[in-house]
Structures are given as C-alpha cells and as structure tokens.
Amino acid sequence: MKKTRLGLSILVIIMLAALAATALAASETVDYVVGTSGSFAPFCYTDDDGNLTGYDVEVLRAIDEKLEDVTLTFKAMDFDGLFLGLDAGSLDFISHQLGKNAEREAKYLYANEPLGYTAMSLAVRADDEAVNSVKDIEGKQVLVTATGLPNTWLTAYNEETAETPVELKYYEGDWVQGMQQLVAGGGDATVAPAVNIDTAIRELGLAIRRAPDPLYTVNVYFIFAKDHEELRDRIDATLVELRDDGTLASISQQFLGDDFTTLTE
C-alpha cells in the first residue's frame, strides 16, 4: 500500500512539473503585432470568407509556425496607417511589399532578408497604344505617390537619362487608387507592381493595360520598429529556411502566379 501511495505521489509530482513547464513555456511566448492591409491583393487582402490572406500574409503565417515562442497577430489597416502605427508603438513591424528608401532606412529597421521582389511596370489606359517603355512617357504626366519608390526612380531618370523630363503628378493612396485616377484621366500613366496591374484588370475590370517590360525590379522587405533587432534577426533566419526549402516559391506560385522570390540584389 505504501508503495502504491509513493508511486501515486511521484506521478502527481511529475504531472505537476509537466503542467508547470507548459505554463512557463506559454508565459514565455511573446506576441508581436504586424501591420498590413486588407485590400492589397494579391499580397495582403480579405478573401470572400472574410479571412486575411495573400502572399505576404501566408509567408508570415509560415514564419509564425517556425517560431514556437513567438505569436504574430495581424492588424489590417489603410497603408497610411502602417508607419503611424510603427511610430506610435502599436505595431511591432509591417508588411506591404515595401522597398528601401533613405528616409525609411533612417527612421526604421529593415529586414536584411527580402521576402521577394516586385517587378514595377507602367500602366496606361487601354486605348493608349503609344506607351510601351519609359522613353515613351517622357514629357507625359505620370501618377506617383510622393514617398513611393516610383517617384524616386523616375526623379533619378529625369536627372540622369531623360531628354524630356517625365512630369510627376502626386496622388494619395495605394496602387489601385493611382490606377483608378489614371482611368479617370488624371494622368497619362502610373507605375505599379506588374502583379497588381494584372489583378486590377482581371478582378476590378479597369480599362488599362500593362506595358510589356518592367521599368525596374526591387526587393521588398518587412520593416520593424528600431528597437526590434532580435525579432528582425530571427525572422531573417526563418526567411532563409523558407526560401531554401521551397516554401516561399510555393506561396509565390499560389498567389502571384510565378516565383518572385529569387533575389535581384
């Protein structure tokens, strides 16, 4: 009888220790809030069932699965709110197919590992057959955002290459809003990711077409609050694993129709 009681006591101790270990592991799980968009298909958007999905979102979910002591919570918002969220401390990092520029690099912490690249292309109205390359937009009005990479790229093109400068006309909002302004006659062209132009034609029915050759390609990154170096480094390492085992390419094929994960730099 004593042996039975002793055995039960040991069993209880083992079970309590296991529960304590489980509780400790749970308490050591850190929750990080990642900001993205719910309307930036096919990268981050809400599907017909109301679920957040897209290339960026599913890559983040794959990262979340790999990092057992980290939980990523999504917060969808308008693009303009993403950097405000980083500044206010309500977001730990953001994902929205973001390229590098000097202003952002000075203020925030970029991932070292890109999650892929974007082919930036010209969009023009469907009945405009004259524009097929950057040379064709010289002297024409091109819609860009003031802080976006197309503005930076075209400004450098004007300074270094153009015989007749491209006229840059600024708009506020995302790529779709720029394409909608184009259709409405707000400019002669705009610049957007090739995937987004094709999506706008196919799913929104916008009367535009994509020029055949990209203007340029650019790697895209997660952007973190400045004090999140450890999180940045762990996500960098996980991205390398996901690229090496083919997960990134598989997600890219699913959402983008091609492999946009081979690095360009």
Foldseek 3Di string as FASTA:
>chain_A
DVVVVVVVVVVVVVVVVVVVVVVVLQVQQEEFEEEEAQVQPQQWHQDPVRDTHHLVVVLVVLLCVVPVSYHYHYDHDFPVCRVVCLVVVVHFWYFYQAFDDPVQVVFWAWFPAFLFKFQKFKKFFQPDPQDQAPLSQAVWEEEDAPPGVVVVVLVVCQVPPHPHRHHYDYDDGDPLVRLVCRLVVVTGIYMDGPLSVVCCCVPVVGRMDTRDHGNDMGTGTMIGGHVPPVVSVSSSVVSVVCVVVCNSQVSCCVGRVGRRHPDDD
